Structures are given as structure tokens and as C-alpha cells.
Amino acid sequence: MNPTYDEIQKASSLRGNEIKKTPLIHSPTFSKLTECDVYLKAEFRQKTGSFKIRGAYFKIKSLTDEEKKHGVVAASAGNHAQGVAFASSLEKIPCTIVMPKNASPAKVSATRGYGAKVVLEGVNYDESSAKAKEIAKETGATMIHAFDDPQIIAAQGVIGLEILEDLPDVDEVYLPIGGGGLAAGTLIAIKEKNPNVKIVGVQSKSFPSMYDSIRQNSITSSGGDRTIADGISVKVPGELTYTIIKELIDEIVLVDDDEITKAMFLLMERMKFVVEPAGAASLAYLISKKPSVGKKVVAVLAGGNVDMYLLGQIVDKGLATMGRLLKISVLLPDRPGTFKDIIDEISLANANIIEVVHDRLSSDVNAGSAGVTLSLETQGKEQAQLLIDSLKKKNIQFTLLT
């Protein structure tokens, strides 16, 4: 059964106090970067840190008393897991979540924190889902699908209602696609009220399953390469979501991890928003491709549950990408004063030394020499290049690591 616009309105009316209407925030910074008028739909501010709580809450609220008695089971890389666990705790029903073995430790811990039993199985969503179906069959628990369910889709579609309510004259909406629940629901909600709004789905180049399925006109298993965007790492789209998206979507596009990293970094630095990789995919495409010049555009920031270790890497890689973190390796004669020429050039370039690693013992460092690795903070690519050029003029032999 396909979800309807009326079901989306019902989901909106039943969300109670637990599901927030998230803000739509205008960003002058990203408007300038993308050459369009950018509004950010802040779904990372939801309870549990993701839009996924919307679908989980509505689905579990809709279960019969008999179904609730047997509990629920779900598969998820993290965000759907937390949504189902939290909604189950509100209804005081048993909950089992199957998560991939490589799921973010922070997401696993948060899911357990909401009272769910966590089973680690498989290396991606699809393998975890197969295990969840086994558990549902053995126990009689209701399977709460992450995306391919009419009520899940309907509740995610409330996001579309909220966008139109806050920005009736929106031209385009960009949103991430994994299994397709968010996209399917938002498409139904927005296209019903204004079919002229362009809606663009954004997938990871490592998992382009919906992109490939629509191009080949049939559901296709696709992807499997490593990506930081675990929230949209789905190899096979849902049958229901595929049908809806194929009919209503205007375009599906792809982004890579470097583009996502830059978007996450800029969100942290310019907006003070911590957004996870999958949640930043839509903005990443807008920044990297600038496809909507002059348009009024919404980018859905779908979630904010990012692993703290990854966050540290994002900061470093973001600085390096923008030329603000320069890392060089130098092999020097191991005698007093030889390091001074390099320090002088760094000082003249007004760069800041943030880390020095001094190495005499590695096998590639000859006796009588010392290897030095320097991490330098600069004001941007232009200043970094000036420093590189000045080191070359002084005949200082170095290797550029970033």
C-alpha cells in the first residue's frame, strides 16, 4: 500500500511533544558559497539526533496492543536504531536492534542507552537486515523497517509539510537518499501541494543504489566501497521507496567523501553545526557543483550523530583541503642550527607551527641525519603556496604530505 498525503497529515497530527518541528535556517554563508539562496532544514536537532525518530515514532504508535506485547526488531547503522529504541522506550515495549559490526561505537552506545538489546551482525545494513528478519520470525516481534514501510515513509514526509509551511516559495529541495524513506515521503508531501518544486536526491558515489536502479529501470544492488557516509550506505533500495521515487523525483546526483568532508567542516566552522556525513550530503552537492544559481533552495541536514574520532579527522582534512593545514617532511643533517633556516621561512610566511615530529631512528633516515615532520597552520591556499615557493627558493629539500 502506497503512503498518501492524508497519511502524512495524520503523522503530523499525532507526533505529540516528542517530535520537533525542526527549524529552517537561512544561511548567508552558504548562499554566497553556492550562489543561491540557501535554507538549512535542521533535522540533526531532532530527539535522537536524526529525522529517523519521526518514522519510528509514528510506526510504533500505530501498532496494536497484541503487536506491542511481542515487541519490535529493527536493523540500522545507527539513526533508525536510536529512533526505534527511543520510541519503544516511550511505549514500554521490548526492542531488539541489529547493527553492523562496524557501526559507530557512539551510535551503538546511544541505542543501548535508550534501553534496546543490540545485536551486532554483518558489515552493512543489508546483512544486518537479514538477521533482523530472522529474529522477527523466531520471536513474533514486529519488524520496523528503516525505510520501506508506508507509515515510516508518511512520517518522514512531514518534513516536506514543514518546508512548505516555512518557505512556500521554495524552488528546490535537496535531500540525502539511502534506502529512500525520507525522499519518498518528502516527494509525496511537496509534489501534492506544489509539483513545480524541484526535488533532488543525493547519494554517495560508494552506494549509488537508487541512482543506478532508476537509470536501469529496475531495483539494482549497487555499491559497497568504503565511505564515511554510513547512514546512506544501502546496497538495495526499498521496493516501495523505489516506486515512489522513480515516479516523482526530478533528479538523483552523487557526491564523494571529500565533498562531504568539506561540507561537514564548513558547517562546523561557519554555522557551529555538527552534522554527520550522510546528513551533510545534500549541502555537499550544492557547495561542490553550484547547480542552483539564483534559486531559493532547501538542503535537508538529516542527522548529527557523528563519531568523535571521525570528527577529529574531518577537522584536519577540512583544514588541509582548504590549504589551512600544511604538512611537510624534511630530511636534515643532524647538527645544530640546520633547522633554523626552515623556522625562519615559516616565521616570514606568518605560518604557525602546531606540531613537530623529530625522527632519527626510522630505517629510511640515514645515520647522521634527522627526519622532521611539521604540521603548519596557514591562512589559506595562497599563503600555503607562498611558503612552499620560499622553501624551494632556499633549496630546502622537503616532501609535501598535504
Protein backbone atom coordinates (compact mmCIF):
# COMPACT_ATOMS: atom_id res chain seq x y z
CA MET A 1 0.00 0.00 0.00
CA ASN A 2 1.39 3.37 -1.01
CA PRO A 3 1.52 6.09 1.65
CA THR A 4 -0.80 9.02 0.91
CA TYR A 5 -0.79 12.73 1.53
CA ASP A 6 -3.61 12.20 4.07
CA GLU A 7 -1.41 9.69 5.95
CA ILE A 8 1.38 12.27 6.07
CA GLN A 9 -1.04 14.79 7.59
CA LYS A 10 -2.12 12.14 10.11
CA ALA A 11 1.52 11.52 11.08
CA SER A 12 1.93 15.26 11.58
CA SER A 13 -1.10 15.48 13.86
CA LEU A 14 -0.01 12.51 16.02
CA ARG A 15 3.59 13.47 16.65
CA GLY A 16 2.85 14.89 20.11
CA ASN A 17 5.59 16.61 22.10
CA GLU A 18 8.31 14.10 21.28
CA ILE A 19 8.81 15.01 17.61
CA LYS A 20 10.03 18.54 16.98
CA LYS A 21 9.19 20.80 14.11
CA THR A 22 12.82 21.49 13.24
CA PRO A 23 13.87 25.00 12.20
CA LEU A 24 14.52 26.11 8.64
CA ILE A 25 17.59 28.31 8.92
CA HIS A 26 18.71 30.78 6.26
CA SER A 27 22.48 30.80 5.73
CA PRO A 28 24.12 33.87 4.16
CA THR A 29 27.46 31.97 4.24
CA PHE A 30 26.28 29.01 2.17
CA SER A 31 24.15 31.25 -0.03
CA LYS A 32 27.33 33.07 -1.03
CA LEU A 33 29.32 29.84 -1.49
CA THR A 34 26.66 28.20 -3.68
CA GLU A 35 25.41 31.35 -5.48
CA CYS A 36 21.81 30.60 -4.47
CA ASP A 37 19.54 31.39 -1.53
CA VAL A 38 20.19 28.51 0.92
CA TYR A 39 17.98 27.39 3.78
CA LEU A 40 19.06 24.51 6.04
CA LYS A 41 16.42 22.11 7.42
CA ALA A 42 17.95 21.22 10.79
CA GLU A 43 16.82 17.61 11.30
CA PHE A 44 20.00 16.95 13.30
CA ARG A 45 18.26 18.82 16.12
CA GLN A 46 15.60 16.13 16.49
CA LYS A 47 15.49 13.96 19.60
CA THR A 48 17.99 11.12 18.96
CA GLY A 49 19.83 13.42 16.53
CA SER A 50 18.12 12.44 13.27
CA PHE A 51 14.91 12.60 11.22
CA LYS A 52 14.58 8.83 11.72
CA ILE A 53 12.71 9.28 15.01
CA ARG A 54 9.74 10.62 13.01
CA GLY A 55 9.06 7.34 11.20
CA ALA A 56 9.90 5.09 14.14
CA TYR A 57 7.61 7.02 16.49
CA PHE A 58 4.61 7.01 14.15
CA LYS A 59 5.03 3.34 13.22
CA ILE A 60 5.30 2.13 16.81
CA LYS A 61 2.43 4.35 17.96
CA SER A 62 0.31 2.67 15.27
CA LEU A 63 0.95 -0.92 16.46
CA THR A 64 -1.89 -2.90 18.05
CA ASP A 65 -1.71 -3.92 21.71
CA GLU A 66 -1.03 -7.51 20.63
CA GLU A 67 1.86 -6.42 18.39
CA LYS A 68 3.33 -4.28 21.16
CA LYS A 69 3.25 -7.28 23.52
CA HIS A 70 5.64 -9.18 21.21
CA GLY A 71 7.95 -6.20 20.85
CA VAL A 72 9.81 -4.88 17.83
CA VAL A 73 13.03 -5.56 15.96
CA ALA A 74 14.89 -3.35 13.51
CA ALA A 75 18.14 -3.17 11.53
CA SER A 76 20.12 0.04 11.30
CA ALA A 77 23.59 1.54 11.09
CA GLY A 78 22.59 3.87 13.91
CA ASN A 79 19.99 6.58 13.38
CA HIS A 80 16.94 4.37 12.79
CA ALA A 81 18.22 2.21 15.65
CA GLN A 82 18.11 5.11 18.08
CA GLY A 83 14.70 6.22 16.81
CA VAL A 84 13.17 2.77 17.26
CA ALA A 85 14.83 2.29 20.66
CA PHE A 86 13.58 5.64 21.94
CA ALA A 87 10.03 5.17 20.61
CA SER A 88 9.94 1.67 22.11
CA SER A 89 11.01 3.03 25.49
CA LEU A 90 8.12 5.51 25.40
CA GLU A 91 5.66 2.66 24.74
CA LYS A 92 7.48 0.39 27.22
CA ILE A 93 7.78 -2.49 24.74
CA PRO A 94 10.69 -4.93 24.12
CA CYS A 95 13.10 -3.79 21.43
CA THR A 96 15.96 -5.56 19.62
CA ILE A 97 18.21 -3.68 17.21
CA VAL A 98 20.59 -5.39 14.77
CA MET A 99 23.53 -3.18 13.83
CA PRO A 100 26.54 -3.80 11.55
CA LYS A 101 29.70 -4.87 13.34
CA ASN A 102 31.42 -1.72 12.06
CA ALA A 103 28.68 0.64 13.30
CA SER A 104 29.81 3.78 15.09
CA PRO A 105 30.53 2.96 18.76
CA ALA A 106 28.75 6.18 19.71
CA LYS A 107 25.59 5.07 17.91
CA VAL A 108 25.74 1.58 19.44
CA SER A 109 26.15 3.07 22.91
CA ALA A 110 23.30 5.55 22.38
CA THR A 111 20.97 2.79 21.15
CA ARG A 112 21.69 0.69 24.24
CA GLY A 113 21.19 3.82 26.33
CA TYR A 114 17.58 4.01 25.17
CA GLY A 115 17.01 0.51 26.54
CA ALA A 116 17.29 -1.64 23.41
CA LYS A 117 19.01 -5.01 23.14
CA VAL A 118 21.73 -4.59 20.48
CA VAL A 119 22.90 -7.46 18.25
CA LEU A 120 25.98 -6.82 16.10
CA GLU A 121 25.71 -8.75 12.82
CA GLY A 122 27.02 -8.16 9.28
CA VAL A 123 29.14 -5.40 7.80
CA ASN A 124 26.39 -3.26 6.24
CA TYR A 125 22.67 -2.52 6.53
CA ASP A 126 21.58 -5.31 4.18
CA GLU A 127 23.36 -8.04 6.15
CA SER A 128 22.01 -6.66 9.44
CA SER A 129 18.50 -6.55 7.96
CA ALA A 130 18.65 -10.25 7.07
CA LYS A 131 19.48 -11.08 10.70
CA ALA A 132 16.68 -8.81 11.97
CA LYS A 133 14.17 -10.66 9.79
CA GLU A 134 15.33 -13.97 11.29
CA ILE A 135 14.79 -12.63 14.80
CA ALA A 136 11.34 -11.30 13.89
CA LYS A 137 10.34 -14.70 12.52
CA GLU A 138 11.64 -16.56 15.58
CA THR A 139 10.14 -14.25 18.23
CA GLY A 140 6.99 -12.85 16.62
CA ALA A 141 8.31 -9.32 17.02
CA THR A 142 7.20 -6.71 14.50
CA MET A 143 9.89 -5.71 12.03
CA ILE A 144 10.27 -1.92 11.94
CA HIS A 145 11.80 -1.33 8.52
CA ALA A 146 14.19 1.58 8.21
CA PHE A 147 12.55 2.94 5.06
CA ASP A 148 10.36 0.53 3.06
CA ASP A 149 7.13 0.90 5.06
CA PRO A 150 4.11 3.14 4.29
CA GLN A 151 3.87 4.58 7.80
CA ILE A 152 7.62 5.19 8.06
CA ILE A 153 7.54 7.00 4.70
CA ALA A 154 4.47 9.02 5.68
CA ALA A 155 6.06 10.27 8.90
CA GLN A 156 9.28 11.27 7.12
CA GLY A 157 7.06 13.17 4.68
CA VAL A 158 6.08 15.58 7.44
CA ILE A 159 9.44 17.22 6.73
CA GLY A 160 8.02 18.24 3.35
CA LEU A 161 4.95 19.77 5.01
CA GLU A 162 7.18 21.77 7.35
CA ILE A 163 9.36 23.04 4.50
CA LEU A 164 6.33 24.33 2.56
CA GLU A 165 4.86 25.86 5.70
CA ASP A 166 8.03 27.83 6.46
CA LEU A 167 9.09 28.57 2.85
CA PRO A 168 6.08 28.43 0.49
CA ASP A 169 8.04 29.86 -2.44
CA VAL A 170 10.89 27.33 -2.29
CA ASP A 171 12.29 26.47 -5.74
CA GLU A 172 14.32 23.34 -5.00
CA VAL A 173 14.85 20.82 -2.20
CA TYR A 174 18.00 18.70 -1.87
CA LEU A 175 17.98 15.68 0.44
CA PRO A 176 20.09 12.55 1.04
CA ILE A 177 18.96 9.13 -0.19
CA GLY A 178 19.95 5.80 1.35
CA GLY A 179 17.01 3.43 1.25
CA GLY A 180 14.74 6.28 0.20
CA GLY A 181 12.22 6.75 3.03
CA LEU A 182 13.00 10.45 3.55
CA ALA A 183 12.93 11.18 -0.18
CA ALA A 184 9.73 9.20 -0.84
CA GLY A 185 7.78 10.88 1.95
CA THR A 186 9.03 14.36 1.15
CA LEU A 187 8.22 13.87 -2.53
CA ILE A 188 4.62 12.91 -1.79
CA ALA A 189 4.14 15.84 0.60
CA ILE A 190 5.65 18.53 -1.59
CA LYS A 191 4.55 17.36 -5.03
CA GLU A 192 0.92 17.12 -3.81
CA LYS A 193 0.93 20.81 -2.86
CA ASN A 194 3.32 22.21 -5.46
CA PRO A 195 4.52 19.90 -8.26
CA ASN A 196 6.75 22.69 -9.60
CA VAL A 197 9.20 22.39 -6.70
CA LYS A 198 12.28 20.57 -7.94
CA ILE A 199 13.41 17.77 -5.61
CA VAL A 200 16.90 16.33 -5.96
CA GLY A 201 18.15 13.24 -4.14
CA VAL A 202 21.83 12.98 -3.22
CA GLN A 203 23.63 9.65 -2.86
CA SER A 204 27.17 8.61 -2.01
CA LYS A 205 29.25 7.57 -5.02
CA SER A 206 30.16 4.48 -2.98
CA PHE A 207 26.50 3.38 -2.64
CA PRO A 208 24.57 4.70 -5.69
CA SER A 209 21.82 2.08 -5.45
CA MET A 210 18.77 4.29 -6.08
CA TYR A 211 20.67 6.24 -8.74
CA ASP A 212 21.58 3.03 -10.59
CA SER A 213 18.14 1.46 -10.10
CA ILE A 214 16.33 4.37 -11.69
CA ARG A 215 18.82 4.55 -14.56
CA GLN A 216 18.37 0.81 -15.23
CA ASN A 217 14.60 0.93 -14.67
CA SER A 218 14.67 -1.86 -12.08
CA ILE A 219 15.82 -2.35 -8.49
CA THR A 220 19.56 -2.92 -8.57
CA SER A 221 22.11 -3.92 -5.95
CA SER A 222 24.88 -1.39 -6.17
CA GLY A 223 27.87 -0.15 -4.22
CA GLY A 224 29.88 -1.49 -1.33
CA ASP A 225 33.01 0.67 -1.37
CA ARG A 226 34.14 2.21 1.90
CA THR A 227 32.55 5.57 2.73
CA ILE A 228 32.25 7.84 5.75
CA ALA A 229 28.53 8.27 4.97
CA ASP A 230 27.33 5.12 6.73
CA GLY A 231 23.80 6.50 7.12
CA ILE A 232 23.18 6.22 3.36
CA SER A 233 25.21 3.04 2.77
CA VAL A 234 22.34 0.96 1.37
CA LYS A 235 23.12 -1.53 -1.42
CA VAL A 236 19.50 -2.29 -2.37
CA PRO A 237 16.74 0.36 -2.25
CA GLY A 238 13.28 -0.48 -0.96
CA GLU A 239 10.64 -1.67 -3.41
CA LEU A 240 8.09 0.86 -2.19
CA THR A 241 10.53 3.76 -1.99
CA TYR A 242 11.90 2.91 -5.45
CA THR A 243 8.39 3.01 -6.96
CA ILE A 244 7.59 6.40 -5.41
CA ILE A 245 10.95 7.99 -6.11
CA LYS A 246 11.06 6.74 -9.71
CA GLU A 247 7.69 8.38 -10.38
CA LEU A 248 8.21 11.70 -8.59
CA ILE A 249 11.92 12.56 -8.28
CA ASP A 250 13.36 15.22 -10.56
CA GLU A 251 16.99 14.11 -10.33
CA ILE A 252 19.43 11.98 -8.34
CA VAL A 253 23.07 13.05 -8.07
CA LEU A 254 26.23 11.71 -6.43
CA VAL A 255 28.85 13.07 -4.04
CA ASP A 256 32.14 11.66 -2.79
CA ASP A 257 33.67 11.60 0.68
CA ASP A 258 35.94 14.60 0.05
CA GLU A 259 32.94 16.77 -0.86
CA ILE A 260 31.07 15.57 2.23
CA THR A 261 34.12 16.25 4.42
CA LYS A 262 34.33 19.84 3.19
CA ALA A 263 30.62 20.42 3.84
CA MET A 264 30.87 19.00 7.38
CA PHE A 265 33.90 21.16 8.12
CA LEU A 266 32.23 24.32 6.85
CA LEU A 267 29.05 23.56 8.80
CA MET A 268 31.11 23.29 11.98
CA GLU A 269 33.26 26.34 11.36
CA ARG A 270 30.73 28.74 9.87
CA MET A 271 27.42 27.64 11.40
CA LYS A 272 28.60 25.80 14.56
CA PHE A 273 26.51 22.81 13.36
CA VAL A 274 27.77 19.26 13.97
CA VAL A 275 26.25 17.21 11.14
CA GLU A 276 27.09 13.61 10.28
CA PRO A 277 28.38 12.62 6.80
CA ALA A 278 25.06 11.29 5.44
CA GLY A 279 23.28 14.32 6.87
CA ALA A 280 25.62 16.72 5.08
CA ALA A 281 25.42 15.06 1.65
CA SER A 282 22.80 17.41 0.21
CA LEU A 283 24.74 20.54 1.15
CA ALA A 284 27.96 18.92 -0.09
CA TYR A 285 26.49 18.68 -3.58
CA LEU A 286 25.30 22.30 -3.53
CA ILE A 287 28.75 23.52 -2.47
CA SER A 288 30.75 21.39 -4.92
CA LYS A 289 28.57 21.75 -8.04
CA LYS A 290 26.66 25.04 -7.56
CA PRO A 291 23.67 23.67 -9.54
CA SER A 292 21.01 26.16 -8.44
CA VAL A 293 22.35 29.65 -9.12
CA GLY A 294 19.76 32.27 -8.24
CA LYS A 295 17.26 29.76 -6.82
CA LYS A 296 15.68 29.54 -3.36
CA VAL A 297 16.93 26.17 -2.11
CA VAL A 298 16.47 23.95 0.95
CA ALA A 299 19.17 21.45 1.94
CA VAL A 300 17.94 18.84 4.43
CA LEU A 301 20.59 18.19 7.10
CA ALA A 302 19.28 14.77 8.03
CA GLY A 303 21.28 13.84 11.13
CA GLY A 304 24.03 14.79 13.55
CA ASN A 305 25.23 11.53 15.08
CA VAL A 306 28.89 11.58 14.15
CA ASP A 307 31.63 9.53 15.80
CA MET A 308 34.02 11.77 17.78
CA TYR A 309 37.12 10.12 16.32
CA LEU A 310 35.83 10.76 12.82
CA LEU A 311 35.05 14.34 13.79
CA GLY A 312 38.71 14.96 14.60
CA GLN A 313 39.72 13.64 11.18
CA ILE A 314 37.09 15.82 9.50
CA VAL A 315 38.60 18.93 11.11
CA ASP A 316 42.13 18.04 10.00
CA LYS A 317 41.10 17.00 6.49
CA GLY A 318 38.87 20.05 6.13
CA LEU A 319 41.74 22.36 7.08
CA ALA A 320 44.07 20.54 4.66
CA THR A 321 41.55 20.70 1.80
CA MET A 322 41.24 24.45 2.25
CA GLY A 323 45.02 24.89 2.38
CA ARG A 324 44.94 25.90 6.03
CA LEU A 325 46.83 22.86 7.30
CA LEU A 326 50.17 22.19 5.62
CA LYS A 327 52.18 19.10 6.50
CA ILE A 328 55.75 18.74 5.26
CA SER A 329 58.56 16.24 5.83
CA VAL A 330 62.20 17.37 5.77
CA LEU A 331 65.44 15.32 5.94
CA LEU A 332 68.21 17.38 7.59
CA PRO A 333 71.87 16.93 8.57
CA ASP A 334 71.75 16.14 12.29
CA ARG A 335 73.77 19.06 13.60
CA PRO A 336 72.96 22.26 15.50
CA GLY A 337 71.47 25.15 13.50
CA THR A 338 70.28 23.27 10.40
CA PHE A 339 66.64 23.59 11.42
CA LYS A 340 66.89 27.37 11.75
CA ASP A 341 66.57 28.14 8.02
CA ILE A 342 63.25 26.33 7.87
CA ILE A 343 61.94 28.04 11.02
CA ASP A 344 62.95 31.42 9.58
CA GLU A 345 60.98 30.84 6.38
CA ILE A 346 57.93 29.65 8.32
CA SER A 347 58.14 32.75 10.51
CA LEU A 348 58.46 35.07 7.50
CA ALA A 349 55.40 33.46 5.93
CA ASN A 350 53.47 34.13 9.17
CA ALA A 351 52.56 30.45 9.46
CA ASN A 352 52.01 28.80 12.81
CA ILE A 353 53.77 25.56 13.83
CA ILE A 354 51.23 23.31 15.55
CA GLU A 355 53.20 20.04 15.65
CA VAL A 356 56.81 18.89 15.21
CA VAL A 357 57.83 15.22 14.99
CA HIS A 358 61.62 14.61 15.12
CA ASP A 359 62.87 11.19 13.94
CA ARG A 360 66.43 9.78 13.96
CA LEU A 361 65.62 6.07 14.19
CA SER A 362 63.44 5.11 11.21
CA SER A 363 65.01 2.83 8.59
CA ASP A 364 64.69 5.47 5.86
CA VAL A 365 66.64 8.05 7.91
CA ASN A 366 70.39 7.70 7.33
CA ALA A 367 72.89 7.87 10.19
CA GLY A 368 73.90 11.49 10.74
CA SER A 369 70.54 12.75 9.54
CA ALA A 370 67.21 13.57 11.15
CA GLY A 371 63.73 13.44 9.72
CA VAL A 372 61.40 16.24 10.77
CA THR A 373 57.66 16.34 10.06
CA LEU A 374 56.00 19.72 10.53
CA SER A 375 52.28 20.49 10.74
CA LEU A 376 51.68 24.13 9.95
CA GLU A 377 48.60 26.32 10.23
CA THR A 378 48.20 28.87 7.43
CA GLN A 379 45.53 31.38 6.44
CA GLY A 380 44.65 29.54 3.23
CA LYS A 381 45.93 28.13 -0.05
CA GLU A 382 47.58 31.36 -1.18
CA GLN A 383 49.68 31.70 1.97
CA ALA A 384 50.50 27.99 1.92
CA GLN A 385 51.75 28.25 -1.67
CA LEU A 386 53.91 31.27 -0.80
CA LEU A 387 55.59 29.26 1.94
CA ILE A 388 56.15 26.28 -0.38
CA ASP A 389 57.70 28.58 -3.00
CA SER A 390 60.01 30.25 -0.45
CA LEU A 391 61.26 26.88 0.82
CA LYS A 392 62.05 25.83 -2.76
CA LYS A 393 63.96 29.10 -3.40
CA LYS A 394 66.12 28.37 -0.37
CA ASN A 395 66.87 24.90 -1.82
CA ILE A 396 65.37 23.26 1.24
CA GLN A 397 64.54 19.67 0.32
CA PHE A 398 61.12 18.63 1.60
CA THR A 399 58.18 16.39 0.82
CA LEU A 400 54.67 17.79 0.84
CA LEU A 401 52.39 15.44 2.82
CA THR A 402 49.18 17.52 2.46
